[in-house]
Structure formats: C-alpha cells, structure tokens
Amino acid sequence: MDIFTMSFWGVSLILIVSSFIKSKRKTFEAMKKTKRMMGNMLGEIIAIIFIIGLVLTLIPPESIKSVLGSSNTILATIVAAVAGSVTLIPAFLAFPLVGSFVDVGASIVPAVAFLTTLTMVGVVTFPLEKKEFGFKFAMTRNVLSFVAALFIAMVMGVIL
C-alpha cells in the first residue's frame, strides 16, 4: 500500500474516532446512511467495472498506446482533448477509465487532457446549456474550459 492510501486511512480513522467521541448516535446514523448510499451505488460500481472492461476489450491496448502514448505528445493531447469534449461519461466512470488508459501505455498529458475535457467541456450538452444560459455564455464557458483543460494537461506533464 502506498503512502497516500495509508494517509487517507489514517485520517479517516482519526476522524471517525473523533466523531464517535463527540456523538455516538450521530456517528452511527451517518454510518447507516453511508451504508445505504453504498448499497445504492453498488450497481453503478459494477457498471463501471463492466464498461471499463468493455472499452478495453473493444479498443485494444496497442491502439490506446499508439494514439495516446505516441511520441507526438501535442497531437495525442489534441486528439484526446477533442475525444473528451464530445464524450458524455459521468466523472465516476471517467477516472478509473483514464487510469486504465495510463496502465496500458497512454502518456499522462493526453490522459489528463481527455479527463479534464470530459468533465469540463460539454459538446453533447451544448444545446441544453445554450437553451438555459444563452449561446454566448455556453460558447465562452466551453472554449475557456477547453483551453483550461489543455493548460492543466500540460502542467501535469511538467509536474509528473
């Protein structure tokens, strides 16, 4: 287990103990509520595992590596950012999917570009956003989000 996981476990344990000391009743109520929430999410978690397996089956790891792990990082990043912009996947599915991409050989910069545009840019949801907020706002938000996503990907590439 890595240091980050151990840290999260340690902090969680300390917070649960302090919550238990402060109020046993509220802590148990929160635990019961959490149990119900996890039970409700179980189907979604199984779906995530299924969809990731399906994606990795339909798109061979060699293809992912050749497109997102290529020596031309700029082109791979742009391809990943455009793909992320037009894809509509919930964030809780996107994070493990991108982790799987990195595991099979995708470079970190295109992977981050895909993830950030996936969660920040909404080409598919643009018509609804335009209807609710107006064309100018929707277009400005999506363009700025796309640029910010590319910037975040480049920064992640420098950091990692």
N, C-alpha and C. Protein backbone atom coordinates (compact mmCIF):
# COMPACT_ATOMS: atom_id res chain seq x y z
N MET A 1 0.85 -1.18 0.00
CA MET A 1 0.00 0.00 0.00
C MET A 1 0.89 1.24 0.00
N ASP A 2 0.54 2.24 -0.81
CA ASP A 2 1.37 3.44 -0.89
C ASP A 2 1.08 4.41 0.26
N ILE A 3 1.90 5.42 0.37
CA ILE A 3 1.82 6.38 1.49
C ILE A 3 0.52 7.18 1.45
N PHE A 4 0.02 7.48 0.25
CA PHE A 4 -1.21 8.26 0.15
C PHE A 4 -2.41 7.46 0.66
N THR A 5 -2.49 6.20 0.29
CA THR A 5 -3.58 5.35 0.75
C THR A 5 -3.53 5.20 2.27
N MET A 6 -2.32 4.96 2.78
CA MET A 6 -2.17 4.83 4.23
C MET A 6 -2.55 6.14 4.94
N SER A 7 -2.20 7.26 4.34
CA SER A 7 -2.55 8.56 4.93
C SER A 7 -4.06 8.75 4.97
N PHE A 8 -4.74 8.41 3.85
CA PHE A 8 -6.19 8.54 3.82
C PHE A 8 -6.85 7.64 4.86
N TRP A 9 -6.36 6.41 5.00
CA TRP A 9 -6.89 5.51 6.01
C TRP A 9 -6.68 6.07 7.41
N GLY A 10 -5.48 6.60 7.65
CA GLY A 10 -5.17 7.16 8.97
C GLY A 10 -6.04 8.35 9.31
N VAL A 11 -6.17 9.28 8.37
CA VAL A 11 -7.02 10.47 8.60
C VAL A 11 -8.46 10.05 8.80
N SER A 12 -8.94 9.10 8.00
CA SER A 12 -10.32 8.62 8.13
C SER A 12 -10.56 8.00 9.50
N LEU A 13 -9.63 7.20 9.93
CA LEU A 13 -9.76 6.55 11.24
C LEU A 13 -9.79 7.59 12.37
N ILE A 14 -8.91 8.56 12.29
CA ILE A 14 -8.88 9.62 13.31
C ILE A 14 -10.20 10.39 13.33
N LEU A 15 -10.71 10.73 12.15
CA LEU A 15 -11.97 11.49 12.08
C LEU A 15 -13.16 10.66 12.58
N ILE A 16 -13.18 9.38 12.27
CA ILE A 16 -14.28 8.53 12.75
C ILE A 16 -14.23 8.41 14.27
N VAL A 17 -13.04 8.22 14.82
CA VAL A 17 -12.90 8.11 16.27
C VAL A 17 -13.32 9.41 16.94
N SER A 18 -12.89 10.55 16.38
CA SER A 18 -13.27 11.84 16.99
C SER A 18 -14.77 12.08 16.86
N SER A 19 -15.37 11.67 15.75
CA SER A 19 -16.82 11.79 15.59
C SER A 19 -17.54 10.90 16.59
N PHE A 20 -17.05 9.70 16.79
CA PHE A 20 -17.63 8.76 17.73
C PHE A 20 -17.56 9.30 19.16
N ILE A 21 -16.44 9.93 19.51
CA ILE A 21 -16.28 10.53 20.84
C ILE A 21 -17.26 11.68 21.02
N LYS A 22 -17.42 12.47 19.97
CA LYS A 22 -18.30 13.64 20.06
C LYS A 22 -19.77 13.24 20.17
N SER A 23 -20.21 12.29 19.34
CA SER A 23 -21.62 11.87 19.37
C SER A 23 -21.76 10.48 18.76
N LYS A 24 -21.96 9.49 19.63
CA LYS A 24 -22.12 8.12 19.16
C LYS A 24 -23.34 7.99 18.26
N ARG A 25 -24.43 8.61 18.67
CA ARG A 25 -25.69 8.48 17.93
C ARG A 25 -25.55 9.04 16.50
N LYS A 26 -25.00 10.25 16.38
CA LYS A 26 -24.86 10.86 15.05
C LYS A 26 -23.88 10.08 14.18
N THR A 27 -22.84 9.56 14.79
CA THR A 27 -21.86 8.77 14.04
C THR A 27 -22.50 7.51 13.48
N PHE A 28 -23.28 6.82 14.31
CA PHE A 28 -23.95 5.60 13.83
C PHE A 28 -25.00 5.93 12.77
N GLU A 29 -25.71 7.05 12.92
CA GLU A 29 -26.68 7.46 11.89
C GLU A 29 -25.96 7.73 10.57
N ALA A 30 -24.83 8.41 10.65
CA ALA A 30 -24.06 8.68 9.43
C ALA A 30 -23.56 7.39 8.80
N MET A 31 -23.13 6.44 9.63
CA MET A 31 -22.66 5.16 9.10
C MET A 31 -23.79 4.39 8.43
N LYS A 32 -24.99 4.43 9.02
CA LYS A 32 -26.14 3.76 8.41
C LYS A 32 -26.50 4.41 7.07
N LYS A 33 -26.46 5.75 7.04
CA LYS A 33 -26.76 6.47 5.81
C LYS A 33 -25.72 6.14 4.73
N THR A 34 -24.46 6.06 5.13
CA THR A 34 -23.39 5.72 4.21
C THR A 34 -23.57 4.30 3.66
N LYS A 35 -23.98 3.39 4.52
CA LYS A 35 -24.21 2.01 4.09
C LYS A 35 -25.32 1.96 3.03
N ARG A 36 -26.40 2.71 3.25
CA ARG A 36 -27.48 2.76 2.26
C ARG A 36 -26.98 3.36 0.95
N MET A 37 -26.20 4.44 1.04
CA MET A 37 -25.68 5.07 -0.16
C MET A 37 -24.79 4.11 -0.95
N MET A 38 -23.92 3.40 -0.25
CA MET A 38 -23.05 2.44 -0.92
C MET A 38 -23.86 1.31 -1.55
N GLY A 39 -24.91 0.89 -0.87
CA GLY A 39 -25.78 -0.13 -1.44
C GLY A 39 -26.44 0.35 -2.72
N ASN A 40 -26.85 1.62 -2.72
CA ASN A 40 -27.46 2.19 -3.92
C ASN A 40 -26.45 2.35 -5.06
N MET A 41 -25.18 2.55 -4.72
CA MET A 41 -24.14 2.76 -5.73
C MET A 41 -23.55 1.45 -6.24
N LEU A 42 -23.87 0.35 -5.61
CA LEU A 42 -23.26 -0.93 -5.98
C LEU A 42 -23.49 -1.25 -7.45
N GLY A 43 -24.69 -1.03 -7.95
CA GLY A 43 -24.97 -1.27 -9.36
C GLY A 43 -24.12 -0.41 -10.27
N GLU A 44 -23.94 0.86 -9.88
CA GLU A 44 -23.11 1.76 -10.68
C GLU A 44 -21.65 1.33 -10.66
N ILE A 45 -21.18 0.87 -9.52
CA ILE A 45 -19.78 0.42 -9.41
C ILE A 45 -19.56 -0.81 -10.30
N ILE A 46 -20.50 -1.73 -10.29
CA ILE A 46 -20.40 -2.91 -11.15
C ILE A 46 -20.44 -2.48 -12.62
N ALA A 47 -21.30 -1.50 -12.93
CA ALA A 47 -21.38 -0.99 -14.30
C ALA A 47 -20.05 -0.36 -14.72
N ILE A 48 -19.39 0.35 -13.82
CA ILE A 48 -18.10 0.96 -14.12
C ILE A 48 -17.09 -0.13 -14.50
N ILE A 49 -17.02 -1.15 -13.69
CA ILE A 49 -16.08 -2.24 -13.96
C ILE A 49 -16.41 -2.89 -15.30
N PHE A 50 -17.68 -3.09 -15.57
CA PHE A 50 -18.11 -3.70 -16.83
C PHE A 50 -17.76 -2.82 -18.02
N ILE A 51 -18.05 -1.53 -17.93
CA ILE A 51 -17.79 -0.63 -19.06
C ILE A 51 -16.30 -0.49 -19.33
N ILE A 52 -15.50 -0.39 -18.27
CA ILE A 52 -14.05 -0.31 -18.47
C ILE A 52 -13.55 -1.57 -19.15
N GLY A 53 -14.01 -2.72 -18.70
CA GLY A 53 -13.64 -3.97 -19.35
C GLY A 53 -14.06 -4.01 -20.80
N LEU A 54 -15.27 -3.52 -21.08
CA LEU A 54 -15.78 -3.48 -22.44
C LEU A 54 -14.94 -2.56 -23.33
N VAL A 55 -14.64 -1.37 -22.81
CA VAL A 55 -13.82 -0.42 -23.58
C VAL A 55 -12.45 -1.01 -23.87
N LEU A 56 -11.84 -1.59 -22.84
CA LEU A 56 -10.50 -2.16 -23.04
C LEU A 56 -10.54 -3.41 -23.93
N THR A 57 -11.70 -4.05 -24.05
CA THR A 57 -11.84 -5.19 -24.95
C THR A 57 -12.04 -4.71 -26.38
N LEU A 58 -12.89 -3.70 -26.55
CA LEU A 58 -13.18 -3.20 -27.90
C LEU A 58 -12.02 -2.38 -28.47
N ILE A 59 -11.31 -1.67 -27.61
CA ILE A 59 -10.16 -0.88 -28.05
C ILE A 59 -8.92 -1.56 -27.48
N PRO A 60 -8.19 -2.25 -28.31
CA PRO A 60 -7.02 -2.98 -27.81
C PRO A 60 -5.99 -2.04 -27.18
N PRO A 61 -5.28 -2.51 -26.16
CA PRO A 61 -4.27 -1.69 -25.51
C PRO A 61 -3.23 -1.12 -26.47
N GLU A 62 -2.93 -1.86 -27.52
CA GLU A 62 -1.95 -1.38 -28.51
C GLU A 62 -2.46 -0.12 -29.20
N SER A 63 -3.77 -0.08 -29.47
CA SER A 63 -4.35 1.11 -30.11
C SER A 63 -4.31 2.30 -29.18
N ILE A 64 -4.65 2.07 -27.92
CA ILE A 64 -4.61 3.16 -26.94
C ILE A 64 -3.18 3.68 -26.82
N LYS A 65 -2.24 2.76 -26.73
CA LYS A 65 -0.84 3.15 -26.60
C LYS A 65 -0.35 3.88 -27.84
N SER A 66 -0.76 3.43 -29.02
CA SER A 66 -0.28 4.07 -30.24
C SER A 66 -0.87 5.47 -30.43
N VAL A 67 -2.09 5.69 -29.98
CA VAL A 67 -2.71 7.01 -30.15
C VAL A 67 -2.35 7.94 -28.99
N LEU A 68 -2.51 7.46 -27.76
CA LEU A 68 -2.30 8.33 -26.59
C LEU A 68 -0.92 8.23 -25.99
N GLY A 69 -0.13 7.30 -26.45
CA GLY A 69 1.22 7.15 -25.90
C GLY A 69 2.28 7.43 -26.95
N SER A 70 1.86 8.06 -28.03
CA SER A 70 2.80 8.29 -29.13
C SER A 70 3.86 9.31 -28.78
N SER A 71 4.87 9.36 -29.63
CA SER A 71 5.96 10.30 -29.41
C SER A 71 5.51 11.74 -29.68
N ASN A 72 4.45 11.91 -30.47
CA ASN A 72 3.93 13.24 -30.75
C ASN A 72 2.89 13.60 -29.68
N THR A 73 3.37 14.09 -28.55
CA THR A 73 2.51 14.37 -27.41
C THR A 73 1.47 15.45 -27.72
N ILE A 74 1.86 16.44 -28.50
CA ILE A 74 0.93 17.53 -28.81
C ILE A 74 -0.26 17.01 -29.61
N LEU A 75 0.00 16.23 -30.64
CA LEU A 75 -1.09 15.66 -31.44
C LEU A 75 -1.95 14.72 -30.60
N ALA A 76 -1.30 13.87 -29.81
CA ALA A 76 -2.05 12.94 -28.95
C ALA A 76 -2.91 13.69 -27.95
N THR A 77 -2.39 14.80 -27.42
CA THR A 77 -3.15 15.60 -26.45
C THR A 77 -4.36 16.24 -27.11
N ILE A 78 -4.18 16.76 -28.31
CA ILE A 78 -5.31 17.39 -29.02
C ILE A 78 -6.37 16.35 -29.36
N VAL A 79 -5.95 15.18 -29.84
CA VAL A 79 -6.90 14.10 -30.15
C VAL A 79 -7.66 13.69 -28.89
N ALA A 80 -6.94 13.52 -27.79
CA ALA A 80 -7.58 13.13 -26.54
C ALA A 80 -8.53 14.22 -26.03
N ALA A 81 -8.13 15.47 -26.17
CA ALA A 81 -8.98 16.58 -25.71
C ALA A 81 -10.26 16.68 -26.53
N VAL A 82 -10.15 16.50 -27.84
CA VAL A 82 -11.34 16.53 -28.69
C VAL A 82 -12.25 15.34 -28.36
N ALA A 83 -11.66 14.17 -28.19
CA ALA A 83 -12.45 12.98 -27.85
C ALA A 83 -13.15 13.17 -26.50
N GLY A 84 -12.46 13.73 -25.54
CA GLY A 84 -13.06 14.00 -24.24
C GLY A 84 -14.18 15.03 -24.31
N SER A 85 -14.02 16.00 -25.20
CA SER A 85 -15.03 17.06 -25.33
C SER A 85 -16.35 16.55 -25.87
N VAL A 86 -16.30 15.55 -26.74
CA VAL A 86 -17.53 15.05 -27.36
C VAL A 86 -18.06 13.80 -26.69
N THR A 87 -17.39 13.34 -25.64
CA THR A 87 -17.82 12.14 -24.93
C THR A 87 -18.64 12.55 -23.71
N LEU A 88 -19.68 11.82 -23.45
CA LEU A 88 -20.52 12.09 -22.29
C LEU A 88 -20.48 10.87 -21.37
N ILE A 89 -19.57 10.93 -20.39
CA ILE A 89 -19.41 9.86 -19.42
C ILE A 89 -19.40 10.51 -18.04
N PRO A 90 -20.08 9.95 -17.06
CA PRO A 90 -20.01 10.51 -15.71
C PRO A 90 -18.58 10.46 -15.17
N ALA A 91 -18.24 11.43 -14.34
CA ALA A 91 -16.88 11.54 -13.80
C ALA A 91 -16.47 10.28 -13.03
N PHE A 92 -17.41 9.68 -12.29
CA PHE A 92 -17.05 8.50 -11.51
C PHE A 92 -16.66 7.33 -12.41
N LEU A 93 -17.05 7.35 -13.66
CA LEU A 93 -16.63 6.34 -14.62
C LEU A 93 -15.35 6.77 -15.34
N ALA A 94 -15.20 8.07 -15.54
CA ALA A 94 -14.05 8.58 -16.29
C ALA A 94 -12.72 8.36 -15.57
N PHE A 95 -12.69 8.57 -14.26
CA PHE A 95 -11.43 8.44 -13.53
C PHE A 95 -10.83 7.04 -13.63
N PRO A 96 -11.58 5.98 -13.33
CA PRO A 96 -10.97 4.66 -13.50
C PRO A 96 -10.67 4.32 -14.96
N LEU A 97 -11.47 4.82 -15.89
CA LEU A 97 -11.22 4.56 -17.30
C LEU A 97 -9.89 5.17 -17.72
N VAL A 98 -9.64 6.41 -17.34
CA VAL A 98 -8.39 7.07 -17.67
C VAL A 98 -7.21 6.37 -16.97
N GLY A 99 -7.43 5.93 -15.74
CA GLY A 99 -6.39 5.16 -15.06
C GLY A 99 -6.04 3.89 -15.84
N SER A 100 -7.05 3.25 -16.40
CA SER A 100 -6.81 2.07 -17.22
C SER A 100 -6.04 2.42 -18.49
N PHE A 101 -6.35 3.56 -19.08
CA PHE A 101 -5.61 4.02 -20.27
C PHE A 101 -4.13 4.21 -19.95
N VAL A 102 -3.87 4.84 -18.81
CA VAL A 102 -2.47 5.06 -18.40
C VAL A 102 -1.78 3.73 -18.14
N ASP A 103 -2.50 2.80 -17.52
CA ASP A 103 -1.93 1.48 -17.23
C ASP A 103 -1.53 0.72 -18.49
N VAL A 104 -2.25 0.94 -19.60
CA VAL A 104 -1.92 0.22 -20.84
C VAL A 104 -0.97 1.00 -21.74
N GLY A 105 -0.48 2.14 -21.26
CA GLY A 105 0.57 2.82 -22.01
C GLY A 105 0.29 4.22 -22.49
N ALA A 106 -0.86 4.80 -22.16
CA ALA A 106 -1.12 6.18 -22.57
C ALA A 106 -0.22 7.12 -21.77
N SER A 107 0.25 8.17 -22.44
CA SER A 107 1.04 9.19 -21.75
C SER A 107 0.13 9.99 -20.82
N ILE A 108 0.72 10.58 -19.81
CA ILE A 108 -0.07 11.28 -18.80
C ILE A 108 -0.72 12.55 -19.36
N VAL A 109 -0.03 13.27 -20.24
CA VAL A 109 -0.58 14.53 -20.76
C VAL A 109 -1.86 14.30 -21.56
N PRO A 110 -1.87 13.39 -22.56
CA PRO A 110 -3.13 13.13 -23.26
C PRO A 110 -4.21 12.55 -22.35
N ALA A 111 -3.81 11.72 -21.40
CA ALA A 111 -4.80 11.14 -20.48
C ALA A 111 -5.47 12.23 -19.65
N VAL A 112 -4.68 13.17 -19.15
CA VAL A 112 -5.23 14.28 -18.37
C VAL A 112 -6.08 15.18 -19.27
N ALA A 113 -5.64 15.40 -20.50
CA ALA A 113 -6.44 16.22 -21.43
C ALA A 113 -7.80 15.57 -21.67
N PHE A 114 -7.81 14.25 -21.86
CA PHE A 114 -9.07 13.54 -22.06
C PHE A 114 -9.97 13.69 -20.84
N LEU A 115 -9.38 13.47 -19.67
CA LEU A 115 -10.17 13.52 -18.43
C LEU A 115 -10.71 14.92 -18.16
N THR A 116 -9.88 15.92 -18.30
CA THR A 116 -10.34 17.28 -17.97
C THR A 116 -11.37 17.79 -18.98
N THR A 117 -11.17 17.50 -20.27
CA THR A 117 -12.20 17.94 -21.22
C THR A 117 -13.48 17.14 -21.05
N LEU A 118 -13.33 15.89 -20.67
CA LEU A 118 -14.50 15.04 -20.43
C LEU A 118 -15.39 15.63 -19.34
N THR A 119 -14.76 16.16 -18.30
CA THR A 119 -15.53 16.68 -17.17
C THR A 119 -15.83 18.17 -17.28
N MET A 120 -15.07 18.90 -18.10
CA MET A 120 -15.24 20.36 -18.14
C MET A 120 -15.92 20.88 -19.40
N VAL A 121 -15.79 20.17 -20.52
CA VAL A 121 -16.32 20.64 -21.80
C VAL A 121 -17.52 19.79 -22.18
N GLY A 122 -18.56 20.42 -22.66
CA GLY A 122 -19.77 19.68 -22.97
C GLY A 122 -20.29 19.93 -24.37
N VAL A 123 -19.70 19.30 -25.37
CA VAL A 123 -20.20 19.44 -26.73
C VAL A 123 -21.58 18.79 -26.85
N VAL A 124 -21.74 17.62 -26.24
CA VAL A 124 -23.01 16.90 -26.31
C VAL A 124 -24.12 17.66 -25.57
N THR A 125 -23.76 18.29 -24.47
CA THR A 125 -24.76 19.01 -23.67
C THR A 125 -24.87 20.48 -24.07
N PHE A 126 -24.14 20.89 -25.11
CA PHE A 126 -24.16 22.29 -25.52
C PHE A 126 -25.57 22.80 -25.86
N PRO A 127 -26.38 22.06 -26.61
CA PRO A 127 -27.72 22.57 -26.92
C PRO A 127 -28.55 22.90 -25.67
N LEU A 128 -28.48 22.05 -24.67
CA LEU A 128 -29.22 22.31 -23.43
C LEU A 128 -28.64 23.51 -22.71
N GLU A 129 -27.31 23.57 -22.65
CA GLU A 129 -26.66 24.71 -21.99
C GLU A 129 -26.98 26.01 -22.71
N LYS A 130 -26.99 25.98 -24.04
CA LYS A 130 -27.32 27.17 -24.84
C LYS A 130 -28.75 27.62 -24.56
N LYS A 131 -29.64 26.66 -24.46
CA LYS A 131 -31.05 26.98 -24.20
C LYS A 131 -31.23 27.62 -22.82
N GLU A 132 -30.53 27.09 -21.83
CA GLU A 132 -30.70 27.58 -20.46
C GLU A 132 -29.93 28.86 -20.16
N PHE A 133 -28.72 28.98 -20.72
CA PHE A 133 -27.85 30.10 -20.36
C PHE A 133 -27.55 31.06 -21.50
N GLY A 134 -27.93 30.70 -22.70
CA GLY A 134 -27.65 31.55 -23.86
C GLY A 134 -26.40 31.08 -24.60
N PHE A 135 -26.38 31.39 -25.90
CA PHE A 135 -25.29 30.94 -26.76
C PHE A 135 -23.95 31.51 -26.33
N LYS A 136 -23.89 32.81 -26.09
CA LYS A 136 -22.62 33.46 -25.77
C LYS A 136 -21.99 32.86 -24.51
N PHE A 137 -22.80 32.67 -23.47
CA PHE A 137 -22.28 32.11 -22.22
C PHE A 137 -21.81 30.67 -22.44
N ALA A 138 -22.64 29.86 -23.09
CA ALA A 138 -22.31 28.45 -23.30
C ALA A 138 -21.03 28.30 -24.13
N MET A 139 -20.92 29.09 -25.19
CA MET A 139 -19.73 29.01 -26.05
C MET A 139 -18.49 29.49 -25.28
N THR A 140 -18.61 30.59 -24.58
CA THR A 140 -17.47 31.12 -23.81
C THR A 140 -17.02 30.12 -22.75
N ARG A 141 -17.97 29.55 -22.04
CA ARG A 141 -17.62 28.59 -21.00
C ARG A 141 -16.93 27.36 -21.58
N ASN A 142 -17.43 26.85 -22.67
CA ASN A 142 -16.84 25.66 -23.28
C ASN A 142 -15.46 25.93 -23.87
N VAL A 143 -15.28 27.07 -24.53
CA VAL A 143 -13.97 27.41 -25.10
C VAL A 143 -12.95 27.61 -23.98
N LEU A 144 -13.33 28.38 -22.96
CA LEU A 144 -12.41 28.60 -21.84
C LEU A 144 -12.11 27.29 -21.10
N SER A 145 -13.10 26.44 -20.97
CA SER A 145 -12.88 25.14 -20.33
C SER A 145 -11.93 24.27 -21.15
N PHE A 146 -12.06 24.31 -22.46
CA PHE A 146 -11.17 23.54 -23.33
C PHE A 146 -9.73 24.03 -23.19
N VAL A 147 -9.55 25.34 -23.22
CA VAL A 147 -8.21 25.92 -23.06
C VAL A 147 -7.64 25.59 -21.68
N ALA A 148 -8.47 25.71 -20.65
CA ALA A 148 -8.02 25.40 -19.29
C ALA A 148 -7.66 23.92 -19.17
N ALA A 149 -8.42 23.05 -19.82
CA ALA A 149 -8.12 21.62 -19.78
C ALA A 149 -6.77 21.33 -20.42
N LEU A 150 -6.48 21.97 -21.54
CA LEU A 150 -5.18 21.78 -22.18
C LEU A 150 -4.05 22.31 -21.30
N PHE A 151 -4.29 23.43 -20.66
CA PHE A 151 -3.29 24.00 -19.75
C PHE A 151 -3.03 23.05 -18.57
N ILE A 152 -4.11 22.53 -17.99
CA ILE A 152 -3.98 21.59 -16.87
C ILE A 152 -3.19 20.35 -17.30
N ALA A 153 -3.49 19.85 -18.50
CA ALA A 153 -2.77 18.67 -19.00
C ALA A 153 -1.28 18.97 -19.16
N MET A 154 -0.95 20.13 -19.69
CA MET A 154 0.45 20.49 -19.88
C MET A 154 1.16 20.64 -18.52
N VAL A 155 0.49 21.25 -17.56
CA VAL A 155 1.07 21.41 -16.24
C VAL A 155 1.31 20.03 -15.60
N MET A 156 0.34 19.15 -15.74
CA MET A 156 0.50 17.79 -15.19
C MET A 156 1.69 17.08 -15.85
N GLY A 157 1.87 17.33 -17.15
CA GLY A 157 3.01 16.73 -17.83
C GLY A 157 4.34 17.22 -17.31
N VAL A 158 4.39 18.48 -16.91
CA VAL A 158 5.62 19.05 -16.35
C VAL A 158 5.84 18.53 -14.94
N ILE A 159 4.77 18.45 -14.16
CA ILE A 159 4.88 18.02 -12.76
C ILE A 159 5.23 16.54 -12.68
N LEU A 160 4.54 15.73 -13.47
CA LEU A 160 4.77 14.28 -13.41
C LEU A 160 5.77 13.90 -14.47
